[in-house]
Structure formats: C-alpha cells, structure tokens
Amino acid sequence: MAASPGAALASFEKILAAGKDSALLRFSIGNEYLKIDDAARAVEHLARAVALDPNYTAAWKLYGKALAAANRPGDALAAYNSGIAVAHAKGDKQAEKEMQVFARRLAGKSGSET
C-alpha cells in the first residue's frame, strides 16, 4: 500500500526542516503539493529546486506545470522555455519534446482567451 500524499509530504517537510535541502527534495515536495492541488506551494518549492540545480530537467517540467496550475501562464511558458534549453543542452530529447508540447498548448490557450 502506497503512502498518502499527505504522509509523504509530512515526511519530506520533516527532512527539509532538519536542514537537508536539495533539488531532489524540493522537487519531491513540489510534486506532493501538486498532488493535493496546492499549486502555489508547489511553485515555491519547484522554484527552489531549479535554483539549486538549474540543469534538473524534470524540475523545470514540473515547475512549468505548477505555474500553469497556479494560473501564471506567462511564467509557466518561461519555465518551459528554460527547461527546453536545459533538456536540449543535455540531449534529453524526451523531456525536450514534452515541454515543447506543453509550451505550445499553453501559448495556444493564452492566445485564444481574452
């Protein structure tokens, strides 16, 4: 049986409170906040994840998703574009393609709404 998102989040927050900060930990916390629909808190932790490791492709992808969920499409597009550049530089073709699709969808939505 898998732990509930709340239990995992509490465990990750405890690790962070103990002073063990890392990009992976922040990514994990951000992911858990997204699971419980708290995009604003997810954004905080994912912003820290990419600050700690600017080459963390998965963190850029999730950061863009969190920003979009927080109704910040311009920031989400910027995060995806940063993530695309990182993925391209690393040769991470799959992540690059995924973020390109997300960015196109986001650009299409913001262009069609008034």
PDB file of N, CA and C in Angstrom:
ATOM      1  N   MET A   1       0.842  -1.186   0.000  1.00  0.00           N
ATOM      2  CA  MET A   1       0.000   0.000   0.000  1.00  0.00           C
ATOM      3  C   MET A   1       0.882   1.243   0.000  1.00  0.00           C
ATOM      4  N   ALA A   2       0.610   2.143  -0.922  1.00  0.00           N
ATOM      5  CA  ALA A   2       1.413   3.365  -1.038  1.00  0.00           C
ATOM      6  C   ALA A   2       1.008   4.369   0.037  1.00  0.00           C
ATOM      7  N   ALA A   3       1.959   5.173   0.445  1.00  0.00           N
ATOM      8  CA  ALA A   3       1.669   6.220   1.431  1.00  0.00           C
ATOM      9  C   ALA A   3       0.813   7.301   0.777  1.00  0.00           C
ATOM     10  N   SER A   4      -0.022   7.917   1.568  1.00  0.00           N
ATOM     11  CA  SER A   4      -0.851   9.000   1.031  1.00  0.00           C
ATOM     12  C   SER A   4       0.033  10.203   0.746  1.00  0.00           C
ATOM     13  N   PRO A   5      -0.411  11.082  -0.179  1.00  0.00           N
ATOM     14  CA  PRO A   5       0.400  12.275  -0.448  1.00  0.00           C
ATOM     15  C   PRO A   5       0.668  13.082   0.819  1.00  0.00           C
ATOM     16  N   GLY A   6      -0.303  13.162   1.714  1.00  0.00           N
ATOM     17  CA  GLY A   6      -0.112  13.907   2.953  1.00  0.00           C
ATOM     18  C   GLY A   6       0.995  13.326   3.807  1.00  0.00           C
ATOM     19  N   ALA A   7       1.072  11.996   3.871  1.00  0.00           N
ATOM     20  CA  ALA A   7       2.113  11.344   4.665  1.00  0.00           C
ATOM     21  C   ALA A   7       3.483  11.564   4.041  1.00  0.00           C
ATOM     22  N   ALA A   8       3.564  11.443   2.732  1.00  0.00           N
ATOM     23  CA  ALA A   8       4.838  11.661   2.046  1.00  0.00           C
ATOM     24  C   ALA A   8       5.272  13.114   2.223  1.00  0.00           C
ATOM     25  N   LEU A   9       4.330  14.029   2.088  1.00  0.00           N
ATOM     26  CA  LEU A   9       4.638  15.451   2.232  1.00  0.00           C
ATOM     27  C   LEU A   9       5.168  15.746   3.629  1.00  0.00           C
ATOM     28  N   ALA A  10       4.520  15.189   4.634  1.00  0.00           N
ATOM     29  CA  ALA A  10       4.966  15.403   6.014  1.00  0.00           C
ATOM     30  C   ALA A  10       6.385  14.879   6.206  1.00  0.00           C
ATOM     31  N   SER A  11       6.668  13.735   5.625  1.00  0.00           N
ATOM     32  CA  SER A  11       7.998  13.145   5.726  1.00  0.00           C
ATOM     33  C   SER A  11       9.038  14.032   5.042  1.00  0.00           C
ATOM     34  N   PHE A  12       8.727  14.505   3.840  1.00  0.00           N
ATOM     35  CA  PHE A  12       9.656  15.380   3.120  1.00  0.00           C
ATOM     36  C   PHE A  12       9.871  16.702   3.850  1.00  0.00           C
ATOM     37  N   GLU A  13       8.777  17.264   4.389  1.00  0.00           N
ATOM     38  CA  GLU A  13       8.882  18.534   5.123  1.00  0.00           C
ATOM     39  C   GLU A  13       9.763  18.362   6.361  1.00  0.00           C
ATOM     40  N   LYS A  14       9.676  17.194   6.997  1.00  0.00           N
ATOM     41  CA  LYS A  14      10.499  16.917   8.179  1.00  0.00           C
ATOM     42  C   LYS A  14      11.980  16.883   7.798  1.00  0.00           C
ATOM     43  N   ILE A  15      12.294  16.283   6.661  1.00  0.00           N
ATOM     44  CA  ILE A  15      13.679  16.230   6.180  1.00  0.00           C
ATOM     45  C   ILE A  15      14.187  17.648   5.906  1.00  0.00           C
ATOM     46  N   LEU A  16      13.342  18.456   5.263  1.00  0.00           N
ATOM     47  CA  LEU A  16      13.720  19.840   4.963  1.00  0.00           C
ATOM     48  C   LEU A  16      13.955  20.632   6.249  1.00  0.00           C
ATOM     49  N   ALA A  17      13.069  20.436   7.215  1.00  0.00           N
ATOM     50  CA  ALA A  17      13.192  21.145   8.496  1.00  0.00           C
ATOM     51  C   ALA A  17      14.477  20.755   9.229  1.00  0.00           C
ATOM     52  N   ALA A  18      14.971  19.556   8.967  1.00  0.00           N
ATOM     53  CA  ALA A  18      16.217  19.096   9.588  1.00  0.00           C
ATOM     54  C   ALA A  18      17.445  19.706   8.902  1.00  0.00           C
ATOM     55  N   GLY A  19      17.216  20.526   7.874  1.00  0.00           N
ATOM     56  CA  GLY A  19      18.320  21.215   7.222  1.00  0.00           C
ATOM     57  C   GLY A  19      18.917  20.486   6.045  1.00  0.00           C
ATOM     58  N   LYS A  20      18.253  19.446   5.576  1.00  0.00           N
ATOM     59  CA  LYS A  20      18.780  18.667   4.456  1.00  0.00           C
ATOM     60  C   LYS A  20      18.120  19.113   3.148  1.00  0.00           C
ATOM     61  N   ASP A  21      18.460  20.299   2.691  1.00  0.00           N
ATOM     62  CA  ASP A  21      17.869  20.859   1.481  1.00  0.00           C
ATOM     63  C   ASP A  21      18.589  20.337   0.242  1.00  0.00           C
ATOM     64  N   SER A  22      17.824  20.026  -0.795  1.00  0.00           N
ATOM     65  CA  SER A  22      18.415  19.611  -2.070  1.00  0.00           C
ATOM     66  C   SER A  22      17.377  19.817  -3.174  1.00  0.00           C
ATOM     67  N   ALA A  23      17.859  19.823  -4.408  1.00  0.00           N
ATOM     68  CA  ALA A  23      16.954  19.981  -5.543  1.00  0.00           C
ATOM     69  C   ALA A  23      15.962  18.816  -5.600  1.00  0.00           C
ATOM     70  N   LEU A  24      16.437  17.603  -5.351  1.00  0.00           N
ATOM     71  CA  LEU A  24      15.550  16.441  -5.386  1.00  0.00           C
ATOM     72  C   LEU A  24      14.483  16.528  -4.298  1.00  0.00           C
ATOM     73  N   LEU A  25      14.863  16.958  -3.115  1.00  0.00           N
ATOM     74  CA  LEU A  25      13.898  17.095  -2.023  1.00  0.00           C
ATOM     75  C   LEU A  25      12.849  18.150  -2.383  1.00  0.00           C
ATOM     76  N   ARG A  26      13.292  19.285  -2.897  1.00  0.00           N
ATOM     77  CA  ARG A  26      12.344  20.341  -3.278  1.00  0.00           C
ATOM     78  C   ARG A  26      11.437  19.880  -4.409  1.00  0.00           C
ATOM     79  N   PHE A  27      11.986  19.125  -5.368  1.00  0.00           N
ATOM     80  CA  PHE A  27      11.187  18.555  -6.446  1.00  0.00           C
ATOM     81  C   PHE A  27      10.108  17.644  -5.858  1.00  0.00           C
ATOM     82  N   SER A  28      10.496  16.798  -4.927  1.00  0.00           N
ATOM     83  CA  SER A  28       9.566  15.852  -4.309  1.00  0.00           C
ATOM     84  C   SER A  28       8.473  16.575  -3.535  1.00  0.00           C
ATOM     85  N   ILE A  29       8.835  17.604  -2.794  1.00  0.00           N
ATOM     86  CA  ILE A  29       7.843  18.384  -2.038  1.00  0.00           C
ATOM     87  C   ILE A  29       6.893  19.080  -3.006  1.00  0.00           C
ATOM     88  N   GLY A  30       7.440  19.694  -4.040  1.00  0.00           N
ATOM     89  CA  GLY A  30       6.597  20.361  -5.040  1.00  0.00           C
ATOM     90  C   GLY A  30       5.634  19.398  -5.696  1.00  0.00           C
ATOM     91  N   ASN A  31       6.113  18.215  -6.014  1.00  0.00           N
ATOM     92  CA  ASN A  31       5.262  17.189  -6.617  1.00  0.00           C
ATOM     93  C   ASN A  31       4.125  16.798  -5.682  1.00  0.00           C
ATOM     94  N   GLU A  32       4.416  16.655  -4.410  1.00  0.00           N
ATOM     95  CA  GLU A  32       3.379  16.293  -3.437  1.00  0.00           C
ATOM     96  C   GLU A  32       2.344  17.418  -3.299  1.00  0.00           C
ATOM     97  N   TYR A  33       2.794  18.674  -3.306  1.00  0.00           N
ATOM     98  CA  TYR A  33       1.835  19.788  -3.243  1.00  0.00           C
ATOM     99  C   TYR A  33       0.942  19.805  -4.475  1.00  0.00           C
ATOM    100  N   LEU A  34       1.495  19.472  -5.634  1.00  0.00           N
ATOM    101  CA  LEU A  34       0.651  19.400  -6.839  1.00  0.00           C
ATOM    102  C   LEU A  34      -0.406  18.306  -6.698  1.00  0.00           C
ATOM    103  N   LYS A  35      -0.019  17.188  -6.094  1.00  0.00           N
ATOM    104  CA  LYS A  35      -0.964  16.074  -5.910  1.00  0.00           C
ATOM    105  C   LYS A  35      -2.162  16.471  -5.053  1.00  0.00           C
ATOM    106  N   ILE A  36      -1.961  17.424  -4.130  1.00  0.00           N
ATOM    107  CA  ILE A  36      -3.072  17.848  -3.275  1.00  0.00           C
ATOM    108  C   ILE A  36      -3.639  19.198  -3.726  1.00  0.00           C
ATOM    109  N   ASP A  37      -3.345  19.545  -4.983  1.00  0.00           N
ATOM    110  CA  ASP A  37      -3.892  20.757  -5.608  1.00  0.00           C
ATOM    111  C   ASP A  37      -3.512  22.049  -4.894  1.00  0.00           C
ATOM    112  N   ASP A  38      -2.300  22.116  -4.391  1.00  0.00           N
ATOM    113  CA  ASP A  38      -1.798  23.356  -3.811  1.00  0.00           C
ATOM    114  C   ASP A  38      -0.671  23.851  -4.717  1.00  0.00           C
ATOM    115  N   ALA A  39      -1.082  24.415  -5.859  1.00  0.00           N
ATOM    116  CA  ALA A  39      -0.119  24.841  -6.873  1.00  0.00           C
ATOM    117  C   ALA A  39       0.804  25.947  -6.371  1.00  0.00           C
ATOM    118  N   ALA A  40       0.274  26.857  -5.567  1.00  0.00           N
ATOM    119  CA  ALA A  40       1.093  27.967  -5.079  1.00  0.00           C
ATOM    120  C   ALA A  40       2.269  27.460  -4.245  1.00  0.00           C
ATOM    121  N   ARG A  41       2.009  26.518  -3.361  1.00  0.00           N
ATOM    122  CA  ARG A  41       3.100  25.958  -2.544  1.00  0.00           C
ATOM    123  C   ARG A  41       4.043  25.126  -3.405  1.00  0.00           C
ATOM    124  N   ALA A  42       3.496  24.422  -4.390  1.00  0.00           N
ATOM    125  CA  ALA A  42       4.330  23.642  -5.309  1.00  0.00           C
ATOM    126  C   ALA A  42       5.303  24.565  -6.034  1.00  0.00           C
ATOM    127  N   VAL A  43       4.807  25.707  -6.495  1.00  0.00           N
ATOM    128  CA  VAL A  43       5.642  26.675  -7.213  1.00  0.00           C
ATOM    129  C   VAL A  43       6.826  27.107  -6.351  1.00  0.00           C
ATOM    130  N   GLU A  44       6.578  27.402  -5.078  1.00  0.00           N
ATOM    131  CA  GLU A  44       7.651  27.832  -4.175  1.00  0.00           C
ATOM    132  C   GLU A  44       8.789  26.810  -4.134  1.00  0.00           C
ATOM    133  N   HIS A  45       8.428  25.553  -3.950  1.00  0.00           N
ATOM    134  CA  HIS A  45       9.441  24.507  -3.798  1.00  0.00           C
ATOM    135  C   HIS A  45      10.116  24.179  -5.127  1.00  0.00           C
ATOM    136  N   LEU A  46       9.364  24.198  -6.207  1.00  0.00           N
ATOM    137  CA  LEU A  46       9.958  23.892  -7.506  1.00  0.00           C
ATOM    138  C   LEU A  46      10.861  25.023  -7.983  1.00  0.00           C
ATOM    139  N   ALA A  47      10.528  26.259  -7.638  1.00  0.00           N
ATOM    140  CA  ALA A  47      11.415  27.381  -7.958  1.00  0.00           C
ATOM    141  C   ALA A  47      12.756  27.178  -7.243  1.00  0.00           C
ATOM    142  N   ARG A  48      12.693  26.713  -6.005  1.00  0.00           N
ATOM    143  CA  ARG A  48      13.914  26.454  -5.238  1.00  0.00           C
ATOM    144  C   ARG A  48      14.696  25.284  -5.847  1.00  0.00           C
ATOM    145  N   ALA A  49      13.964  24.258  -6.334  1.00  0.00           N
ATOM    146  CA  ALA A  49      14.625  23.097  -6.949  1.00  0.00           C
ATOM    147  C   ALA A  49      15.456  23.520  -8.155  1.00  0.00           C
ATOM    148  N   VAL A  50      14.884  24.355  -9.035  1.00  0.00           N
ATOM    149  CA  VAL A  50      15.632  24.763 -10.226  1.00  0.00           C
ATOM    150  C   VAL A  50      16.727  25.782  -9.874  1.00  0.00           C
ATOM    151  N   ALA A  51      16.544  26.507  -8.772  1.00  0.00           N
ATOM    152  CA  ALA A  51      17.613  27.405  -8.321  1.00  0.00           C
ATOM    153  C   ALA A  51      18.797  26.593  -7.788  1.00  0.00           C
ATOM    154  N   LEU A  52      18.500  25.522  -7.069  1.00  0.00           N
ATOM    155  CA  LEU A  52      19.552  24.665  -6.519  1.00  0.00           C
ATOM    156  C   LEU A  52      20.269  23.875  -7.609  1.00  0.00           C
ATOM    157  N   ASP A  53      19.511  23.454  -8.644  1.00  0.00           N
ATOM    158  CA  ASP A  53      20.098  22.689  -9.753  1.00  0.00           C
ATOM    159  C   ASP A  53      19.467  23.143 -11.065  1.00  0.00           C
ATOM    160  N   PRO A  54      20.049  24.158 -11.698  1.00  0.00           N
ATOM    161  CA  PRO A  54      19.476  24.687 -12.935  1.00  0.00           C
ATOM    162  C   PRO A  54      19.467  23.693 -14.097  1.00  0.00           C
ATOM    163  N   ASN A  55      20.155  22.567 -13.955  1.00  0.00           N
ATOM    164  CA  ASN A  55      20.181  21.551 -15.013  1.00  0.00           C
ATOM    165  C   ASN A  55      19.242  20.379 -14.751  1.00  0.00           C
ATOM    166  N   TYR A  56      18.341  20.530 -13.801  1.00  0.00           N
ATOM    167  CA  TYR A  56      17.407  19.471 -13.397  1.00  0.00           C
ATOM    168  C   TYR A  56      16.170  19.541 -14.309  1.00  0.00           C
ATOM    169  N   THR A  57      16.236  18.822 -15.410  1.00  0.00           N
ATOM    170  CA  THR A  57      15.194  18.878 -16.443  1.00  0.00           C
ATOM    171  C   THR A  57      13.809  18.573 -15.902  1.00  0.00           C
ATOM    172  N   ALA A  58      13.686  17.522 -15.115  1.00  0.00           N
ATOM    173  CA  ALA A  58      12.376  17.135 -14.583  1.00  0.00           C
ATOM    174  C   ALA A  58      11.795  18.226 -13.694  1.00  0.00           C
ATOM    175  N   ALA A  59      12.650  18.925 -12.972  1.00  0.00           N
ATOM    176  CA  ALA A  59      12.175  20.007 -12.109  1.00  0.00           C
ATOM    177  C   ALA A  59      11.634  21.160 -12.954  1.00  0.00           C
ATOM    178  N   TRP A  60      12.296  21.473 -14.066  1.00  0.00           N
ATOM    179  CA  TRP A  60      11.788  22.523 -14.949  1.00  0.00           C
ATOM    180  C   TRP A  60      10.409  22.152 -15.487  1.00  0.00           C
ATOM    181  N   LYS A  61      10.262  20.893 -15.872  1.00  0.00           N
ATOM    182  CA  LYS A  61       8.980  20.435 -16.430  1.00  0.00           C
ATOM    183  C   LYS A  61       7.874  20.554 -15.385  1.00  0.00           C
ATOM    184  N   LEU A  62       8.141  20.101 -14.172  1.00  0.00           N
ATOM    185  CA  LEU A  62       7.131  20.163 -13.114  1.00  0.00           C
ATOM    186  C   LEU A  62       6.886  21.606 -12.664  1.00  0.00           C
ATOM    187  N   TYR A  63       7.923  22.419 -12.687  1.00  0.00           N
ATOM    188  CA  TYR A  63       7.796  23.839 -12.338  1.00  0.00           C
ATOM    189  C   TYR A  63       6.835  24.523 -13.327  1.00  0.00           C
ATOM    190  N   GLY A  64       7.008  24.247 -14.602  1.00  0.00           N
ATOM    191  CA  GLY A  64       6.094  24.798 -15.602  1.00  0.00           C
ATOM    192  C   GLY A  64       4.666  24.353 -15.366  1.00  0.00           C
ATOM    193  N   LYS A  65       4.497  23.081 -15.039  1.00  0.00           N
ATOM    194  CA  LYS A  65       3.157  22.545 -14.763  1.00  0.00           C
ATOM    195  C   LYS A  65       2.538  23.236 -13.542  1.00  0.00           C
ATOM    196  N   ALA A  66       3.330  23.427 -12.503  1.00  0.00           N
ATOM    197  CA  ALA A  66       2.833  24.073 -11.286  1.00  0.00           C
ATOM    198  C   ALA A  66       2.457  25.527 -11.556  1.00  0.00           C
ATOM    199  N   LEU A  67       3.285  26.229 -12.315  1.00  0.00           N
ATOM    200  CA  LEU A  67       2.977  27.620 -12.652  1.00  0.00           C
ATOM    201  C   LEU A  67       1.691  27.715 -13.466  1.00  0.00           C
ATOM    202  N   ALA A  68       1.510  26.790 -14.404  1.00  0.00           N
ATOM    203  CA  ALA A  68       0.269  26.778 -15.189  1.00  0.00           C
ATOM    204  C   ALA A  68      -0.924  26.511 -14.281  1.00  0.00           C
ATOM    205  N   ALA A  69      -0.773  25.575 -13.349  1.00  0.00           N
ATOM    206  CA  ALA A  69      -1.852  25.247 -12.413  1.00  0.00           C
ATOM    207  C   ALA A  69      -2.153  26.420 -11.482  1.00  0.00           C
ATOM    208  N   ALA A  70      -1.149  27.254 -11.231  1.00  0.00           N
ATOM    209  CA  ALA A  70      -1.320  28.430 -10.371  1.00  0.00           C
ATOM    210  C   ALA A  70      -1.837  29.635 -11.167  1.00  0.00           C
ATOM    211  N   ASN A  71      -2.240  29.386 -12.397  1.00  0.00           N
ATOM    212  CA  ASN A  71      -2.783  30.426 -13.280  1.00  0.00           C
ATOM    213  C   ASN A  71      -1.757  31.528 -13.562  1.00  0.00           C
ATOM    214  N   ARG A  72      -0.529  31.088 -13.832  1.00  0.00           N
ATOM    215  CA  ARG A  72       0.560  32.003 -14.190  1.00  0.00           C
ATOM    216  C   ARG A  72       1.135  31.559 -15.534  1.00  0.00           C
ATOM    217  N   PRO A  73       0.334  31.678 -16.605  1.00  0.00           N
ATOM    218  CA  PRO A  73       0.753  31.136 -17.903  1.00  0.00           C
ATOM    219  C   PRO A  73       2.035  31.743 -18.464  1.00  0.00           C
ATOM    220  N   GLY A  74       2.250  33.020 -18.280  1.00  0.00           N
ATOM    221  CA  GLY A  74       3.478  33.637 -18.778  1.00  0.00           C
ATOM    222  C   GLY A  74       4.709  33.076 -18.098  1.00  0.00           C
ATOM    223  N   ASP A  75       4.622  32.922 -16.778  1.00  0.00           N
ATOM    224  CA  ASP A  75       5.733  32.342 -16.023  1.00  0.00           C
ATOM    225  C   ASP A  75       5.922  30.871 -16.383  1.00  0.00           C
ATOM    226  N   ALA A  76       4.812  30.164 -16.592  1.00  0.00           N
ATOM    227  CA  ALA A  76       4.891  28.753 -16.970  1.00  0.00           C
ATOM    228  C   ALA A  76       5.598  28.604 -18.312  1.00  0.00           C
ATOM    229  N   LEU A  77       5.249  29.446 -19.252  1.00  0.00           N
ATOM    230  CA  LEU A  77       5.884  29.401 -20.565  1.00  0.00           C
ATOM    231  C   LEU A  77       7.384  29.682 -20.449  1.00  0.00           C
ATOM    232  N   ALA A  78       7.750  30.653 -19.621  1.00  0.00           N
ATOM    233  CA  ALA A  78       9.166  30.962 -19.403  1.00  0.00           C
ATOM    234  C   ALA A  78       9.889  29.764 -18.781  1.00  0.00           C
ATOM    235  N   ALA A  79       9.251  29.095 -17.824  1.00  0.00           N
ATOM    236  CA  ALA A  79       9.861  27.918 -17.194  1.00  0.00           C
ATOM    237  C   ALA A  79      10.032  26.798 -18.207  1.00  0.00           C
ATOM    238  N   TYR A  80       8.999  26.560 -19.010  1.00  0.00           N
ATOM    239  CA  TYR A  80       9.120  25.527 -20.044  1.00  0.00           C
ATOM    240  C   TYR A  80      10.247  25.861 -21.011  1.00  0.00           C
ATOM    241  N   ASN A  81      10.350  27.120 -21.417  1.00  0.00           N
ATOM    242  CA  ASN A  81      11.416  27.506 -22.345  1.00  0.00           C
ATOM    243  C   ASN A  81      12.792  27.295 -21.734  1.00  0.00           C
ATOM    244  N   SER A  82      12.938  27.605 -20.450  1.00  0.00           N
ATOM    245  CA  SER A  82      14.209  27.339 -19.761  1.00  0.00           C
ATOM    246  C   SER A  82      14.477  25.845 -19.715  1.00  0.00           C
ATOM    247  N   GLY A  83      13.440  25.081 -19.395  1.00  0.00           N
ATOM    248  CA  GLY A  83      13.578  23.626 -19.335  1.00  0.00           C
ATOM    249  C   GLY A  83      13.916  23.022 -20.682  1.00  0.00           C
ATOM    250  N   ILE A  84      13.324  23.559 -21.745  1.00  0.00           N
ATOM    251  CA  ILE A  84      13.615  23.081 -23.096  1.00  0.00           C
ATOM    252  C   ILE A  84      15.088  23.314 -23.425  1.00  0.00           C
ATOM    253  N   ALA A  85      15.601  24.484 -23.080  1.00  0.00           N
ATOM    254  CA  ALA A  85      17.009  24.791 -23.334  1.00  0.00           C
ATOM    255  C   ALA A  85      17.925  23.845 -22.557  1.00  0.00           C
ATOM    256  N   VAL A  86      17.578  23.580 -21.290  1.00  0.00           N
ATOM    257  CA  VAL A  86      18.377  22.664 -20.475  1.00  0.00           C
ATOM    258  C   VAL A  86      18.327  21.254 -21.063  1.00  0.00           C
ATOM    259  N   ALA A  87      17.136  20.800 -21.404  1.00  0.00           N
ATOM    260  CA  ALA A  87      16.978  19.453 -21.960  1.00  0.00           C
ATOM    261  C   ALA A  87      17.752  19.316 -23.272  1.00  0.00           C
ATOM    262  N   HIS A  88      17.672  20.345 -24.101  1.00  0.00           N
ATOM    263  CA  HIS A  88      18.398  20.317 -25.373  1.00  0.00           C
ATOM    264  C   HIS A  88      19.902  20.214 -25.137  1.00  0.00           C
ATOM    265  N   ALA A  89      20.409  21.021 -24.224  1.00  0.00           N
ATOM    266  CA  ALA A  89      21.842  21.022 -23.925  1.00  0.00           C
ATOM    267  C   ALA A  89      22.302  19.677 -23.367  1.00  0.00           C
ATOM    268  N   LYS A  90      21.434  19.009 -22.622  1.00  0.00           N
ATOM    269  CA  LYS A  90      21.773  17.712 -22.022  1.00  0.00           C
ATOM    270  C   LYS A  90      21.517  16.548 -22.966  1.00  0.00           C
ATOM    271  N   GLY A  91      20.825  16.812 -24.083  1.00  0.00           N
ATOM    272  CA  GLY A  91      20.474  15.725 -25.003  1.00  0.00           C
ATOM    273  C   GLY A  91      19.293  14.911 -24.514  1.00  0.00           C
ATOM    274  N   ASP A  92      18.498  15.474 -23.626  1.00  0.00           N
ATOM    275  CA  ASP A  92      17.315  14.800 -23.082  1.00  0.00           C
ATOM    276  C   ASP A  92      16.132  15.065 -24.020  1.00  0.00           C
ATOM    277  N   LYS A  93      16.117  14.315 -25.120  1.00  0.00           N
ATOM    278  CA  LYS A  93      15.152  14.559 -26.195  1.00  0.00           C
ATOM    279  C   LYS A  93      13.703  14.393 -25.745  1.00  0.00           C
ATOM    280  N   GLN A  94      13.422  13.383 -24.926  1.00  0.00           N
ATOM    281  CA  GLN A  94      12.042  13.139 -24.496  1.00  0.00           C
ATOM    282  C   GLN A  94      11.502  14.308 -23.680  1.00  0.00           C
ATOM    283  N   ALA A  95      12.263  14.758 -22.703  1.00  0.00           N
ATOM    284  CA  ALA A  95      11.819  15.886 -21.875  1.00  0.00           C
ATOM    285  C   ALA A  95      11.696  17.141 -22.727  1.00  0.00           C
ATOM    286  N   GLU A  96      12.610  17.322 -23.654  1.00  0.00           N
ATOM    287  CA  GLU A  96      12.567  18.483 -24.538  1.00  0.00           C
ATOM    288  C   GLU A  96      11.268  18.482 -25.340  1.00  0.00           C
ATOM    289  N   LYS A  97      10.929  17.331 -25.926  1.00  0.00           N
ATOM    290  CA  LYS A  97       9.695  17.223 -26.728  1.00  0.00           C
ATOM    291  C   LYS A  97       8.457  17.453 -25.875  1.00  0.00           C
ATOM    292  N   GLU A  98       8.431  16.858 -24.686  1.00  0.00           N
ATOM    293  CA  GLU A  98       7.273  17.016 -23.797  1.00  0.00           C
ATOM    294  C   GLU A  98       7.056  18.485 -23.447  1.00  0.00           C
ATOM    295  N   MET A  99       8.131  19.166 -23.062  1.00  0.00           N
ATOM    296  CA  MET A  99       7.990  20.575 -22.684  1.00  0.00           C
ATOM    297  C   MET A  99       7.623  21.447 -23.883  1.00  0.00           C
ATOM    298  N   GLN A 100       8.085  21.084 -25.073  1.00  0.00           N
ATOM    299  CA  GLN A 100       7.690  21.819 -26.273  1.00  0.00           C
ATOM    300  C   GLN A 100       6.183  21.694 -26.496  1.00  0.00           C
ATOM    301  N   VAL A 101       5.648  20.499 -26.292  1.00  0.00           N
ATOM    302  CA  VAL A 101       4.203  20.281 -26.444  1.00  0.00           C
ATOM    303  C   VAL A 101       3.441  21.102 -25.399  1.00  0.00           C
ATOM    304  N   PHE A 102       3.875  21.043 -24.141  1.00  0.00           N
ATOM    305  CA  PHE A 102       3.206  21.802 -23.077  1.00  0.00           C
ATOM    306  C   PHE A 102       3.261  23.299 -23.370  1.00  0.00           C
ATOM    307  N   ALA A 103       4.411  23.781 -23.830  1.00  0.00           N
ATOM    308  CA  ALA A 103       4.571  25.205 -24.127  1.00  0.00           C
ATOM    309  C   ALA A 103       3.647  25.619 -25.280  1.00  0.00           C
ATOM    310  N   ARG A 104       3.566  24.780 -26.319  1.00  0.00           N
ATOM    311  CA  ARG A 104       2.670  25.094 -27.446  1.00  0.00           C
ATOM    312  C   ARG A 104       1.220  25.154 -26.991  1.00  0.00           C
ATOM    313  N   ARG A 105       0.825  24.199 -26.176  1.00  0.00           N
ATOM    314  CA  ARG A 105      -0.555  24.182 -25.663  1.00  0.00           C
ATOM    315  C   ARG A 105      -0.834  25.443 -24.846  1.00  0.00           C
ATOM    316  N   LEU A 106       0.106  25.801 -24.010  1.00  0.00           N
ATOM    317  CA  LEU A 106      -0.050  26.980 -23.162  1.00  0.00           C
ATOM    318  C   LEU A 106      -0.121  28.240 -24.010  1.00  0.00           C
ATOM    319  N   ALA A 107       0.744  28.354 -24.992  1.00  0.00           N
ATOM    320  CA  ALA A 107       0.749  29.517 -25.878  1.00  0.00           C
ATOM    321  C   ALA A 107      -0.567  29.577 -26.660  1.00  0.00           C
ATOM    322  N   GLY A 108      -1.089  28.439 -27.066  1.00  0.00           N
ATOM    323  CA  GLY A 108      -2.366  28.391 -27.783  1.00  0.00           C
ATOM    324  C   GLY A 108      -3.529  28.829 -26.923  1.00  0.00           C
ATOM    325  N   LYS A 109      -3.516  28.393 -25.672  1.00  0.00           N
ATOM    326  CA  LYS A 109      -4.599  28.767 -24.740  1.00  0.00           C
ATOM    327  C   LYS A 109      -4.570  30.261 -24.456  1.00  0.00           C
ATOM    328  N   SER A 110      -3.385  30.786 -24.156  1.00  0.00           N
ATOM    329  CA  SER A 110      -3.317  32.211 -23.799  1.00  0.00           C
ATOM    330  C   SER A 110      -3.602  33.094 -25.000  1.00  0.00           C
ATOM    331  N   GLY A 111      -3.349  32.590 -26.197  1.00  0.00           N
ATOM    332  CA  GLY A 111      -3.642  33.354 -27.400  1.00  0.00           C
ATOM    333  C   GLY A 111      -5.106  33.357 -27.770  1.00  0.00           C
ATOM    334  N   SER A 112      -5.846  32.323 -27.340  1.00  0.00           N
ATOM    335  CA  SER A 112      -7.257  32.203 -27.732  1.00  0.00           C
ATOM    336  C   SER A 112      -8.211  32.754 -26.691  1.00  0.00           C
ATOM    337  N   GLU A 113      -7.707  33.066 -25.499  1.00  0.00           N
ATOM    338  CA  GLU A 113      -8.591  33.593 -24.449  1.00  0.00           C
ATOM    339  C   GLU A 113      -8.452  35.097 -24.356  1.00  0.00           C
ATOM    340  N   THR A 114      -9.536  35.745 -23.944  1.00  0.00           N
ATOM    341  CA  THR A 114      -9.481  37.198 -23.786  1.00  0.00           C
ATOM    342  C   THR A 114      -9.711  37.602 -22.362  1.00  0.00           C
TER     343      THR A 114
END
